[in-house]
Amino acid sequence: MQEFVYYNPVGLDFPLDESIFVASTIEETKDANFLISNSTEVESEVSADEIDFYIKNSNDSIAKKIENVHKLYEIAALKFDFAQDITYTQNVGNKLLLVANSDDAKEFIASINPNEFDMFHVSEDIIKSISGHIGNLSVVVDDEGKDVILKVDQIVWFDIKQMGLNQSGSFDPKQSSISEVINTLRANIEEYEYRKFTTYDANICQYHERREEICGRCEDVCPTTAIIKIDSKKHLEFSQVDCHGCGGCISICPSGALDYAPINRNSIYEMAKEFKGSIPLIVPDKMNISKLNIDLKQNVLPFKIEGEKFLHETSFLTILQESGSQVIFYTDFLSKGSKDAIRILNDIYIKKYGKKAIFVAMNEEELSQALEEVDFIENSQFSYNQEDERKREIFAVRLSALVGQDDLGVVKTGENVHYAKVNINEDNCTLCLSCVGACNVDALKAYPEDNTLRLNPSICTGCGYCELSCPEKDCLTIEQDVIELNSSWFLERVVAKDELFACVECGKEFATKKSVEKIANMMAPIFASDPNKQRTLYCCETCKPKVMLANDVVRNQRV
């Protein structure tokens, strides 16, 4: 299979790499299977409009253009190879709910074929709730004081309200047109396809199976019912058919339990490596660049992504460091997570390099301004093999390389992206290790070989579960929303240490000295009249019953 094809009926004024099949007519592309094409007119797995955008607008030399066009094909192929967005199909019947006033309803009904849909028509004021998804929607309506459930496959709602947007299968002709909506309805009945946009690792989720709710940000930012918290079990329930693929939940997830299936962390890394020596211009698919006439200064290369809300501090820093350049993000919307991440990284880069890291351009004028200012940052390029590593670990390694041996002070995080520092009062810590069991990102670890509790603050999510789990008073507190930009921040540090206590009977070490002393101090008043019982407080689990039994034998003999 020829992987790459370039189609242009008027041709090009410079040659392309020999791995790219060049066609000036569609007929030349027939009976061939292509992976990447520059045009939607050619049958291929992926259409990469960033290729023509670069060719049309770049000020690079001819030699550089030849090299970069081939690079853009390779980058698009990497994105395809690493994508995990599996496609599914959903059966959709012809049952339709029309929510409209009489005039809109008449216009819509006149535009469809007679008996084309099995249709209900209601006004929006009687709709009480909607559940389910496309192909299986349940709409509760108030029929003269009685709740009636309408089972439908799709909904057409003029001037749709948020209730209708929560599930898949609802369409508003006012946002497009009646003809477009009807075509969509018909296409869905033939075959409705949806994709898996998120992957999930429950092991590091800050909500999953915890005694108290300390996180649930993904559900908070989800514009649909694609993510639902099951509070009784503390489980997340995902409905991929209802997911829009915006990625807002990805950038807000503190631990990296959620990742974006079309462009996951590994994909970002592999693509970013191709930008070494180039200035990345990040462009979401929704931004129409095909008709954009703008001067791309030399070395600027488009970094095309699907979605616009999934980029977080780790993905941005990966792109920044692999390229060794400032970055432009051309988007008309910033998610909560992405916005915080950009602010944090800009604060860090200004402290280190005296320059911002990321330019956000929300329109053509701002993009032109950003293109004038953006440049490489000397000594900022850094690369390491981060494949299959967690989000926080990647960020910690990369930020550590950036900071080096400097002390750049403190950067504040929040309100949507949180880093934190656990502070432990060693005098009150008995090394019960409840905090270690509570931490599912390994920021807190126990080392039995030297009886220490250690903290790596650089990977702490600030979730607070360790603080909730600590049984000791005035022992563990969390300093929220702080990153210390010095080398010690990225190293495991001993935060508590103790000696092991030896059983007074057999000499076996069985617990920490502080924990034994704590229990002994609590129980001593109760056992004050019985020296043998007092002694059991300092015995291991094997000797304790022996001492108690011996005590009972002596007592019985006396009787």
Protein backbone atom coordinates (compact mmCIF):
# COMPACT_ATOMS: atom_id res chain seq x y z
CA MET A 1 0.00 0.00 0.00
CA GLN A 2 1.23 3.49 -0.91
CA GLU A 3 0.92 5.30 2.41
CA PHE A 4 1.07 8.95 1.35
CA VAL A 5 -0.67 10.74 -1.51
CA TYR A 6 -0.62 14.40 -2.49
CA TYR A 7 -3.43 15.54 -4.78
CA ASN A 8 -3.45 18.92 -6.48
CA PRO A 9 -5.04 19.49 -9.91
CA VAL A 10 -2.77 22.48 -10.59
CA GLY A 11 0.40 20.78 -9.40
CA LEU A 12 3.25 22.08 -7.22
CA ASP A 13 6.22 24.28 -8.00
CA PHE A 14 8.61 22.05 -6.05
CA PRO A 15 9.09 18.27 -5.83
CA LEU A 16 8.01 16.10 -2.92
CA ASP A 17 9.73 13.22 -1.19
CA GLU A 18 9.64 10.02 -3.25
CA SER A 19 7.55 8.30 -0.56
CA ILE A 20 4.64 10.60 -1.48
CA PHE A 21 2.55 9.70 -4.54
CA VAL A 22 1.71 12.92 -6.40
CA ALA A 23 -1.52 13.03 -8.41
CA SER A 24 -3.05 15.81 -10.49
CA THR A 25 -6.29 13.94 -11.25
CA ILE A 26 -8.58 11.89 -9.02
CA GLU A 27 -8.45 9.06 -11.57
CA GLU A 28 -4.78 8.54 -10.73
CA THR A 29 -5.73 7.72 -7.13
CA LYS A 30 -8.38 5.13 -7.98
CA ASP A 31 -7.87 1.49 -7.01
CA ALA A 32 -5.22 2.46 -4.47
CA ASN A 33 -5.26 2.39 -0.68
CA PHE A 34 -3.75 5.43 0.99
CA LEU A 35 -3.12 6.12 4.64
CA ILE A 36 -2.61 9.90 4.55
CA SER A 37 -3.89 12.39 2.00
CA ASN A 38 -3.80 16.16 1.86
CA SER A 39 -7.34 16.26 0.47
CA THR A 40 -10.76 14.89 1.40
CA GLU A 41 -11.34 14.26 -2.30
CA VAL A 42 -8.96 11.29 -2.18
CA GLU A 43 -9.93 8.03 -0.47
CA SER A 44 -7.63 7.64 2.54
CA GLU A 45 -7.68 6.78 6.23
CA VAL A 46 -6.72 10.32 7.22
CA SER A 47 -7.08 13.69 5.49
CA ALA A 48 -4.46 16.16 6.69
CA ASP A 49 -5.41 19.69 5.62
CA GLU A 50 -2.43 21.07 7.57
CA ILE A 51 -0.23 19.97 4.65
CA ASP A 52 -1.76 22.39 2.15
CA PHE A 53 -2.00 25.04 4.86
CA TYR A 54 1.75 24.77 5.42
CA ILE A 55 2.60 24.72 1.70
CA LYS A 56 0.44 27.77 0.98
CA ASN A 57 1.51 29.94 3.90
CA SER A 58 5.06 28.97 4.89
CA ASN A 59 8.08 31.20 4.27
CA ASP A 60 10.49 28.27 4.53
CA SER A 61 12.97 27.61 1.75
CA ILE A 62 12.10 25.07 -0.95
CA ALA A 63 14.48 22.53 0.57
CA LYS A 64 12.92 23.02 3.98
CA LYS A 65 9.43 22.74 2.55
CA ILE A 66 10.25 19.42 0.93
CA GLU A 67 11.56 18.14 4.26
CA ASN A 68 8.66 19.49 6.30
CA VAL A 69 5.88 18.29 3.99
CA HIS A 70 7.25 14.76 4.37
CA LYS A 71 7.47 15.33 8.13
CA LEU A 72 3.80 16.39 8.26
CA TYR A 73 2.80 13.15 6.54
CA GLU A 74 4.87 11.18 9.06
CA ILE A 75 3.31 13.06 11.98
CA ALA A 76 -0.20 12.36 10.68
CA ALA A 77 0.74 8.69 10.36
CA LEU A 78 2.02 8.63 13.95
CA LYS A 79 -1.25 10.11 15.16
CA PHE A 80 -3.16 7.41 13.28
CA ASP A 81 -0.92 4.59 14.54
CA PHE A 82 -1.18 5.56 18.21
CA ALA A 83 -4.90 6.37 18.22
CA GLN A 84 -7.07 4.22 20.49
CA ASP A 85 -10.44 5.64 19.47
CA ILE A 86 -12.29 2.45 18.58
CA THR A 87 -15.43 2.91 16.45
CA TYR A 88 -18.75 1.36 17.49
CA THR A 89 -22.20 1.29 15.92
CA GLN A 90 -25.61 1.85 17.51
CA ASN A 91 -28.96 0.69 16.15
CA VAL A 92 -31.30 3.65 15.55
CA GLY A 93 -34.94 3.34 14.61
CA ASN A 94 -37.33 5.92 13.15
CA LYS A 95 -39.12 6.99 16.34
CA LEU A 96 -38.74 10.75 16.57
CA LEU A 97 -39.69 13.39 19.13
CA LEU A 98 -40.30 16.86 17.72
CA VAL A 99 -40.11 19.68 20.27
CA ALA A 100 -41.27 22.87 18.59
CA ASN A 101 -43.93 25.55 18.43
CA SER A 102 -46.64 25.16 15.81
CA ASP A 103 -44.93 27.25 13.12
CA ASP A 104 -41.58 25.46 13.42
CA ALA A 105 -43.35 22.10 13.56
CA LYS A 106 -45.27 22.81 10.34
CA GLU A 107 -42.07 23.80 8.54
CA PHE A 108 -40.26 20.69 9.72
CA ILE A 109 -43.11 18.30 8.88
CA ALA A 110 -43.41 19.83 5.42
CA SER A 111 -39.72 19.06 4.83
CA ILE A 112 -39.91 15.30 5.48
CA ASN A 113 -41.55 12.50 3.56
CA PRO A 114 -45.02 11.33 4.70
CA ASN A 115 -44.74 8.52 7.28
CA GLU A 116 -40.93 8.77 7.16
CA PHE A 117 -40.78 8.96 10.95
CA ASP A 118 -42.92 7.58 13.73
CA MET A 119 -43.20 10.99 15.35
CA PHE A 120 -44.40 12.57 18.61
CA HIS A 121 -44.84 16.34 18.74
CA VAL A 122 -44.74 18.14 22.11
CA SER A 123 -44.02 21.60 23.46
CA GLU A 124 -40.91 22.00 25.59
CA ASP A 125 -42.81 23.17 28.68
CA ILE A 126 -44.17 19.64 29.38
CA ILE A 127 -40.80 17.89 29.18
CA LYS A 128 -39.68 16.82 32.67
CA SER A 129 -36.60 14.69 32.02
CA ILE A 130 -34.60 12.87 29.36
CA SER A 131 -32.45 9.78 29.84
CA GLY A 132 -30.72 7.17 27.70
CA HIS A 133 -28.88 7.80 24.46
CA ILE A 134 -29.47 7.91 20.71
CA GLY A 135 -31.45 4.86 19.64
CA ASN A 136 -32.80 4.41 23.17
CA LEU A 137 -34.07 7.70 24.61
CA SER A 138 -36.70 7.94 27.35
CA VAL A 139 -38.49 11.28 27.61
CA VAL A 140 -40.79 11.92 30.56
CA VAL A 141 -43.56 14.40 29.73
CA ASP A 142 -46.38 15.82 31.83
CA ASP A 143 -49.69 14.77 30.29
CA GLU A 144 -52.30 16.72 32.29
CA GLY A 145 -50.63 15.93 35.61
CA LYS A 146 -49.65 12.37 34.74
CA ASP A 147 -46.09 11.34 33.85
CA VAL A 148 -45.88 9.64 30.47
CA ILE A 149 -42.69 8.07 29.13
CA LEU A 150 -42.04 8.46 25.40
CA LYS A 151 -39.56 5.98 23.94
CA VAL A 152 -37.81 7.55 20.94
CA ASP A 153 -34.63 7.14 18.91
CA GLN A 154 -33.85 10.79 18.16
CA ILE A 155 -35.04 14.25 19.15
CA VAL A 156 -35.45 17.40 17.07
CA TRP A 157 -35.69 20.38 19.39
CA PHE A 158 -35.96 23.94 18.10
CA ASP A 159 -34.02 26.30 20.41
CA ILE A 160 -32.78 23.31 22.38
CA LYS A 161 -32.29 23.60 26.14
CA GLN A 162 -29.44 22.04 28.13
CA MET A 163 -31.63 19.11 29.11
CA GLY A 164 -31.71 18.06 25.48
CA LEU A 165 -27.95 18.42 25.03
CA ASN A 166 -27.03 16.09 27.88
CA GLN A 167 -27.63 12.92 25.88
CA SER A 168 -26.66 11.99 22.34
CA GLY A 169 -29.36 12.03 19.68
CA SER A 170 -30.76 15.55 20.08
CA PHE A 171 -30.52 18.09 17.25
CA ASP A 172 -31.46 21.76 16.93
CA PRO A 173 -32.33 23.08 13.45
CA LYS A 174 -31.73 26.62 14.70
CA GLN A 175 -28.03 25.78 15.13
CA SER A 176 -27.73 24.58 11.53
CA SER A 177 -30.79 24.17 9.32
CA ILE A 178 -33.82 21.94 8.94
CA SER A 179 -32.37 20.25 5.87
CA GLU A 180 -29.08 19.50 7.62
CA VAL A 181 -30.84 18.02 10.64
CA ILE A 182 -33.09 15.85 8.44
CA ASN A 183 -30.07 14.54 6.56
CA THR A 184 -28.41 13.74 9.91
CA LEU A 185 -31.52 11.92 11.16
CA ARG A 186 -31.66 9.81 8.01
CA ALA A 187 -27.96 9.01 8.10
CA ASN A 188 -28.20 7.94 11.75
CA ILE A 189 -31.03 5.51 10.98
CA GLU A 190 -28.89 3.85 8.30
CA GLU A 191 -25.94 3.48 10.66
CA TYR A 192 -24.95 5.57 13.69
CA GLU A 193 -21.27 5.39 14.49
CA TYR A 194 -19.63 6.67 17.63
CA ARG A 195 -16.11 6.53 18.97
CA LYS A 196 -14.31 5.76 22.19
CA PHE A 197 -12.80 9.12 23.18
CA THR A 198 -11.52 8.32 26.67
CA THR A 199 -9.45 5.63 28.34
CA TYR A 200 -9.58 5.14 32.10
CA ASP A 201 -7.27 3.75 34.77
CA ALA A 202 -9.29 3.22 37.97
CA ASN A 203 -6.11 2.39 39.92
CA ILE A 204 -5.03 6.04 40.04
CA CYS A 205 -8.47 7.66 39.93
CA GLN A 206 -8.98 10.08 42.83
CA TYR A 207 -12.69 9.21 43.07
CA HIS A 208 -12.75 5.43 42.59
CA GLU A 209 -13.82 3.44 45.69
CA ARG A 210 -12.77 6.05 48.23
CA ARG A 211 -14.61 6.43 51.51
CA GLU A 212 -15.29 10.10 50.93
CA GLU A 213 -15.59 12.11 47.73
CA ILE A 214 -12.44 14.12 47.24
CA CYS A 215 -12.59 14.40 43.45
CA GLY A 216 -15.22 14.39 40.75
CA ARG A 217 -13.95 17.10 38.46
CA CYS A 218 -14.41 15.04 35.31
CA GLU A 219 -18.17 14.80 35.84
CA ASP A 220 -18.33 18.49 36.79
CA VAL A 221 -16.89 19.64 33.46
CA CYS A 222 -18.61 17.06 31.23
CA PRO A 223 -21.24 18.84 29.09
CA THR A 224 -23.24 15.61 28.63
CA THR A 225 -23.99 12.45 30.61
CA ALA A 226 -20.88 10.74 29.24
CA ILE A 227 -19.43 10.59 32.80
CA ILE A 228 -21.62 9.87 35.81
CA LYS A 229 -20.55 9.36 39.42
CA ILE A 230 -22.14 6.36 41.14
CA ASP A 231 -21.89 7.70 44.68
CA SER A 232 -23.06 4.50 46.39
CA LYS A 233 -20.00 2.65 45.08
CA LYS A 234 -17.74 5.60 44.29
CA HIS A 235 -17.42 4.37 40.71
CA LEU A 236 -17.37 6.36 37.48
CA GLU A 237 -19.72 5.21 34.74
CA PHE A 238 -18.79 6.08 31.15
CA SER A 239 -21.16 6.36 28.21
CA GLN A 240 -19.02 6.65 25.11
CA VAL A 241 -22.08 7.04 22.89
CA ASP A 242 -22.90 10.31 24.71
CA CYS A 243 -19.33 11.65 24.61
CA HIS A 244 -18.67 14.64 22.34
CA GLY A 245 -14.93 14.03 22.42
CA CYS A 246 -14.17 17.55 23.67
CA GLY A 247 -11.51 16.27 26.11
CA GLY A 248 -12.32 18.68 28.95
CA CYS A 249 -12.27 15.82 31.45
CA ILE A 250 -8.73 14.87 30.39
CA SER A 251 -7.11 18.22 31.14
CA ILE A 252 -8.88 18.49 34.50
CA CYS A 253 -8.02 14.96 35.73
CA PRO A 254 -5.36 15.39 38.45
CA SER A 255 -3.70 11.98 38.30
CA GLY A 256 -3.94 11.15 34.60
CA ALA A 257 -6.48 8.38 35.20
CA LEU A 258 -8.26 9.69 32.11
CA ASP A 259 -6.51 9.96 28.78
CA TYR A 260 -7.64 11.08 25.32
CA ALA A 261 -8.02 8.05 23.06
CA PRO A 262 -7.50 9.81 19.68
CA ILE A 263 -4.24 11.45 20.85
CA ASN A 264 -2.98 9.93 24.09
CA ARG A 265 0.19 10.78 26.02
CA ASN A 266 2.31 8.39 23.97
CA SER A 267 0.96 9.90 20.75
CA ILE A 268 1.73 13.46 21.91
CA TYR A 269 5.27 12.39 22.78
CA GLU A 270 5.94 10.63 19.47
CA MET A 271 4.51 13.53 17.48
CA ALA A 272 6.35 16.14 19.55
CA LYS A 273 9.70 14.49 18.83
CA GLU A 274 9.20 15.34 15.16
CA PHE A 275 9.10 19.05 16.05
CA LYS A 276 12.70 19.29 17.23
CA GLY A 277 14.06 22.37 15.47
CA SER A 278 10.55 23.56 14.56
CA ILE A 279 8.10 25.98 16.16
CA PRO A 280 4.82 24.17 16.91
CA LEU A 281 1.55 25.84 15.96
CA ILE A 282 -1.09 23.72 17.73
CA VAL A 283 -4.33 23.73 15.75
CA PRO A 284 -7.50 21.82 16.73
CA ASP A 285 -9.49 20.24 13.89
CA LYS A 286 -12.42 22.58 14.47
CA MET A 287 -10.34 25.63 13.55
CA ASN A 288 -10.78 26.07 9.80
CA ILE A 289 -7.28 26.69 8.47
CA SER A 290 -7.91 25.73 4.85
CA LYS A 291 -8.88 29.30 3.90
CA LEU A 292 -6.54 31.01 6.35
CA ASN A 293 -4.12 33.35 4.59
CA ILE A 294 -1.36 34.17 7.00
CA ASP A 295 2.42 34.39 6.92
CA LEU A 296 4.05 31.49 8.70
CA LYS A 297 7.53 32.63 9.67
CA GLN A 298 10.36 30.24 8.97
CA ASN A 299 10.41 27.01 10.99
CA VAL A 300 6.75 27.24 12.05
CA LEU A 301 5.04 23.89 11.59
CA PRO A 302 1.35 23.11 12.27
CA PHE A 303 0.70 20.57 15.05
CA LYS A 304 -2.81 19.32 14.19
CA ILE A 305 -4.91 17.80 16.96
CA GLU A 306 -8.42 16.49 17.38
CA GLY A 307 -10.42 18.16 20.13
CA GLU A 308 -9.21 21.28 21.89
CA LYS A 309 -9.82 20.76 25.62
CA PHE A 310 -7.66 17.72 26.43
CA LEU A 311 -4.23 19.37 26.50
CA HIS A 312 -2.81 19.61 30.02
CA GLU A 313 0.44 20.73 31.65
CA THR A 314 2.23 17.47 30.79
CA SER A 315 1.27 17.46 27.10
CA PHE A 316 2.13 21.16 26.72
CA LEU A 317 5.51 20.73 28.43
CA THR A 318 6.28 17.70 26.27
CA ILE A 319 5.69 19.75 23.12
CA LEU A 320 7.65 22.71 24.49
CA GLN A 321 10.71 20.72 25.48
CA GLU A 322 10.82 18.34 22.54
CA SER A 323 10.74 21.30 20.15
CA GLY A 324 12.95 23.62 22.22
CA SER A 325 10.63 26.44 21.23
CA GLN A 326 7.78 28.56 22.42
CA VAL A 327 4.40 27.26 21.26
CA ILE A 328 1.31 28.86 19.72
CA PHE A 329 -2.11 27.43 20.57
CA TYR A 330 -4.65 28.61 17.97
CA THR A 331 -8.10 27.98 19.44
CA ASP A 332 -11.33 29.83 20.06
CA PHE A 333 -11.87 28.15 23.42
CA LEU A 334 -9.79 27.15 26.44
CA SER A 335 -10.94 24.43 28.83
CA LYS A 336 -10.54 24.97 32.57
CA GLY A 337 -7.65 22.51 32.71
CA SER A 338 -5.83 23.84 29.65
CA LYS A 339 -6.21 27.43 30.79
CA ASP A 340 -4.65 26.68 34.19
CA ALA A 341 -1.89 24.60 32.61
CA ILE A 342 -0.91 27.41 30.24
CA ARG A 343 -0.83 29.94 33.06
CA ILE A 344 1.33 27.66 35.24
CA LEU A 345 3.80 26.93 32.43
CA ASN A 346 4.01 30.59 31.44
CA ASP A 347 4.82 31.49 35.06
CA ILE A 348 7.53 28.80 35.17
CA TYR A 349 9.10 29.79 31.83
CA ILE A 350 9.18 33.46 32.75
CA LYS A 351 11.02 32.60 35.97
CA LYS A 352 13.50 30.36 34.11
CA TYR A 353 13.92 31.94 30.68
CA GLY A 354 12.34 35.39 30.99
CA LYS A 355 9.86 34.42 28.23
CA LYS A 356 6.37 32.99 28.18
CA ALA A 357 5.98 29.39 27.07
CA ILE A 358 2.66 29.43 25.20
CA PHE A 359 0.93 32.07 23.12
CA VAL A 360 -2.85 31.65 22.94
CA ALA A 361 -4.35 33.04 19.73
CA MET A 362 -8.15 33.07 19.61
CA ASN A 363 -8.58 34.79 16.25
CA GLU A 364 -6.61 35.57 13.10
CA GLU A 365 -5.36 38.92 14.40
CA GLU A 366 -3.97 37.35 17.57
CA LEU A 367 -2.44 34.54 15.51
CA SER A 368 -0.59 37.05 13.33
CA GLN A 369 0.75 38.79 16.43
CA ALA A 370 1.82 35.50 18.02
CA LEU A 371 3.62 34.43 14.83
CA GLU A 372 5.69 37.60 14.96
CA GLU A 373 6.74 37.03 18.58
CA VAL A 374 7.16 33.25 18.81
CA ASP A 375 10.71 31.90 18.71
CA PHE A 376 13.04 29.19 19.93
CA ILE A 377 14.20 29.31 23.56
CA GLU A 378 17.89 28.67 24.01
CA ASN A 379 18.76 25.64 26.17
CA SER A 380 15.11 24.66 26.62
CA GLN A 381 15.17 21.53 24.46
CA PHE A 382 14.94 18.31 26.48
CA SER A 383 13.99 14.80 25.49
CA TYR A 384 13.62 11.52 27.32
CA ASN A 385 11.72 8.29 26.72
CA GLN A 386 8.43 8.88 28.53
CA GLU A 387 6.51 6.09 26.82
CA ASP A 388 3.79 4.52 29.02
CA GLU A 389 4.67 6.68 32.03
CA ARG A 390 2.01 8.40 34.12
CA LYS A 391 1.02 12.02 33.64
CA ARG A 392 2.46 13.33 36.92
CA GLU A 393 5.72 11.38 36.64
CA ILE A 394 6.31 12.77 33.14
CA PHE A 395 5.69 16.31 34.28
CA ALA A 396 7.99 15.85 37.28
CA VAL A 397 10.90 14.54 35.16
CA ARG A 398 10.51 17.28 32.58
CA LEU A 399 10.11 20.07 35.12
CA SER A 400 13.12 18.78 37.06
CA ALA A 401 15.23 19.02 33.89
CA LEU A 402 13.97 22.56 33.34
CA VAL A 403 14.72 23.70 36.90
CA GLY A 404 18.10 21.96 37.12
CA GLN A 405 20.10 23.25 40.08
CA ASP A 406 18.39 26.64 40.10
CA ASP A 407 16.11 27.88 42.85
CA LEU A 408 13.36 29.73 41.00
CA GLY A 409 11.04 30.22 43.94
CA VAL A 410 7.44 29.05 44.04
CA VAL A 411 4.68 28.81 41.45
CA LYS A 412 1.07 28.75 42.56
CA THR A 413 -1.32 26.28 40.94
CA GLY A 414 -5.15 26.04 40.98
CA GLU A 415 -8.04 26.69 40.74
CA ASN A 416 -8.52 23.73 38.41
CA VAL A 417 -5.06 22.15 38.26
CA HIS A 418 -3.69 21.30 41.68
CA TYR A 419 -0.25 20.42 42.99
CA ALA A 420 0.50 20.27 46.70
CA LYS A 421 2.97 19.51 49.46
CA VAL A 422 2.29 17.10 52.32
CA ASN A 423 3.63 18.28 55.67
CA ILE A 424 4.04 15.73 58.45
CA ASN A 425 4.65 16.42 62.13
CA GLU A 426 7.17 13.68 62.80
CA ASP A 427 6.69 13.89 66.57
CA ASN A 428 3.05 12.79 66.20
CA CYS A 429 3.54 10.24 63.40
CA THR A 430 3.47 6.61 64.55
CA LEU A 431 4.21 5.24 61.07
CA CYS A 432 0.85 3.48 60.94
CA LEU A 433 1.10 4.00 57.15
CA SER A 434 -2.59 4.82 56.66
CA CYS A 435 -1.45 7.69 54.45
CA VAL A 436 0.57 5.32 52.26
CA GLY A 437 -2.47 3.11 51.76
CA ALA A 438 -4.54 6.17 50.90
CA CYS A 439 -2.10 7.48 48.26
CA ASN A 440 -2.68 5.75 44.93
CA VAL A 441 -0.13 7.81 42.98
CA ASP A 442 2.90 6.76 45.08
CA ALA A 443 3.68 10.24 46.34
CA LEU A 444 3.88 8.72 49.82
CA LYS A 445 5.85 5.50 50.26
CA ALA A 446 6.96 3.31 53.16
CA TYR A 447 10.47 1.86 53.35
CA PRO A 448 10.54 -1.04 55.84
CA GLU A 449 14.29 -1.51 55.46
CA ASP A 450 14.94 1.68 57.43
CA ASN A 451 11.46 2.33 58.92
CA THR A 452 10.92 5.57 57.06
CA LEU A 453 7.99 7.33 55.47
CA ARG A 454 9.00 9.24 52.37
CA LEU A 455 7.35 11.85 50.19
CA ASN A 456 7.87 12.87 46.58
CA PRO A 457 5.97 16.19 46.45
CA SER A 458 6.37 16.55 42.69
CA ILE A 459 3.80 13.82 41.96
CA CYS A 460 1.30 14.65 44.73
CA THR A 461 -2.14 15.56 43.35
CA GLY A 462 -3.23 17.39 46.49
CA CYS A 463 -6.34 15.21 46.69
CA GLY A 464 -6.32 15.27 50.51
CA TYR A 465 -7.19 11.61 51.01
CA CYS A 466 -4.08 11.01 53.09
CA GLU A 467 -5.14 13.81 55.44
CA LEU A 468 -8.59 12.26 55.80
CA SER A 469 -7.05 8.84 56.45
CA CYS A 470 -4.48 9.87 59.06
CA PRO A 471 -5.68 8.74 62.55
CA GLU A 472 -3.27 10.95 64.48
CA LYS A 473 -4.09 14.41 65.71
CA ASP A 474 -2.04 17.34 64.38
CA CYS A 475 0.09 14.99 62.29
CA LEU A 476 -0.55 15.42 58.56
CA THR A 477 -1.55 18.59 56.74
CA ILE A 478 -1.51 19.61 53.09
CA GLU A 479 -0.16 22.85 51.67
CA GLN A 480 -2.33 23.25 48.61
CA ASP A 481 -1.57 24.68 45.17
CA VAL A 482 2.19 25.06 45.31
CA ILE A 483 5.15 23.91 43.20
CA GLU A 484 8.61 24.65 44.55
CA LEU A 485 11.02 25.22 41.69
CA ASN A 486 14.16 23.74 43.21
CA SER A 487 15.92 20.40 42.86
CA SER A 488 14.79 18.99 46.21
CA TRP A 489 11.13 19.21 45.16
CA PHE A 490 11.65 16.32 42.76
CA LEU A 491 13.43 14.00 45.20
CA GLU A 492 11.95 11.60 47.71
CA ARG A 493 12.48 13.00 51.18
CA VAL A 494 12.19 11.33 54.58
CA VAL A 495 9.23 12.89 56.39
CA ALA A 496 9.02 10.49 59.33
CA LYS A 497 11.23 7.80 60.86
CA ASP A 498 11.14 5.50 63.89
CA GLU A 499 12.87 2.55 65.51
CA LEU A 500 11.36 -0.91 65.76
CA PHE A 501 10.32 -2.09 69.21
CA ALA A 502 11.53 -5.50 70.39
CA CYS A 503 9.15 -7.81 72.24
CA VAL A 504 10.09 -7.88 75.94
CA GLU A 505 9.58 -11.66 75.99
CA CYS A 506 11.23 -13.02 72.84
CA GLY A 507 13.06 -10.01 71.46
CA LYS A 508 11.21 -10.08 68.11
CA GLU A 509 10.78 -6.65 66.49
CA PHE A 510 7.07 -6.29 65.79
CA ALA A 511 6.05 -2.61 65.65
CA THR A 512 7.42 0.89 65.71
CA LYS A 513 8.48 2.29 69.05
CA LYS A 514 6.06 5.24 68.83
CA SER A 515 3.03 3.05 68.07
CA VAL A 516 3.80 0.71 71.00
CA GLU A 517 4.29 3.62 73.36
CA LYS A 518 1.10 5.28 72.19
CA ILE A 519 -1.01 2.18 72.86
CA ALA A 520 0.75 1.53 76.15
CA ASN A 521 0.05 5.08 77.34
CA MET A 522 -3.61 4.72 76.41
CA MET A 523 -4.06 1.34 78.11
CA ALA A 524 -1.79 1.80 81.14
CA PRO A 525 -4.49 3.36 83.36
CA ILE A 526 -6.85 0.49 82.57
CA PHE A 527 -4.20 -2.16 83.37
CA ALA A 528 -2.72 -0.25 86.35
CA SER A 529 -3.68 -2.94 88.90
CA ASP A 530 -2.29 -5.85 86.82
CA PRO A 531 1.46 -5.78 86.05
CA ASN A 532 1.19 -8.84 83.77
CA LYS A 533 -1.44 -7.18 81.61
CA GLN A 534 0.77 -4.13 81.45
CA ARG A 535 3.57 -6.35 80.22
CA THR A 536 1.42 -7.68 77.36
CA LEU A 537 1.37 -4.18 75.93
CA TYR A 538 5.04 -4.62 75.09
CA CYS A 539 4.72 -8.15 73.65
CA CYS A 540 4.47 -9.36 70.06
CA GLU A 541 1.37 -11.17 68.82
CA THR A 542 2.90 -14.58 69.69
CA CYS A 543 3.98 -13.77 73.22
CA LYS A 544 0.94 -11.73 74.24
CA PRO A 545 -1.40 -14.75 74.70
CA LYS A 546 1.35 -16.70 76.48
CA VAL A 547 1.78 -13.95 79.06
CA MET A 548 -2.00 -13.67 79.50
CA LEU A 549 -2.35 -17.45 79.90
CA ALA A 550 0.46 -17.60 82.45
CA ASN A 551 -1.22 -14.81 84.35
CA ASP A 552 -4.51 -16.77 84.43
CA VAL A 553 -2.75 -19.95 85.64
CA VAL A 554 -1.12 -18.10 88.53
CA ARG A 555 -4.44 -16.51 89.45
CA ASN A 556 -6.21 -19.89 89.44
CA GLN A 557 -3.52 -21.48 91.59
CA ARG A 558 -4.01 -18.76 94.16
CA VAL A 559 -7.72 -19.44 94.22
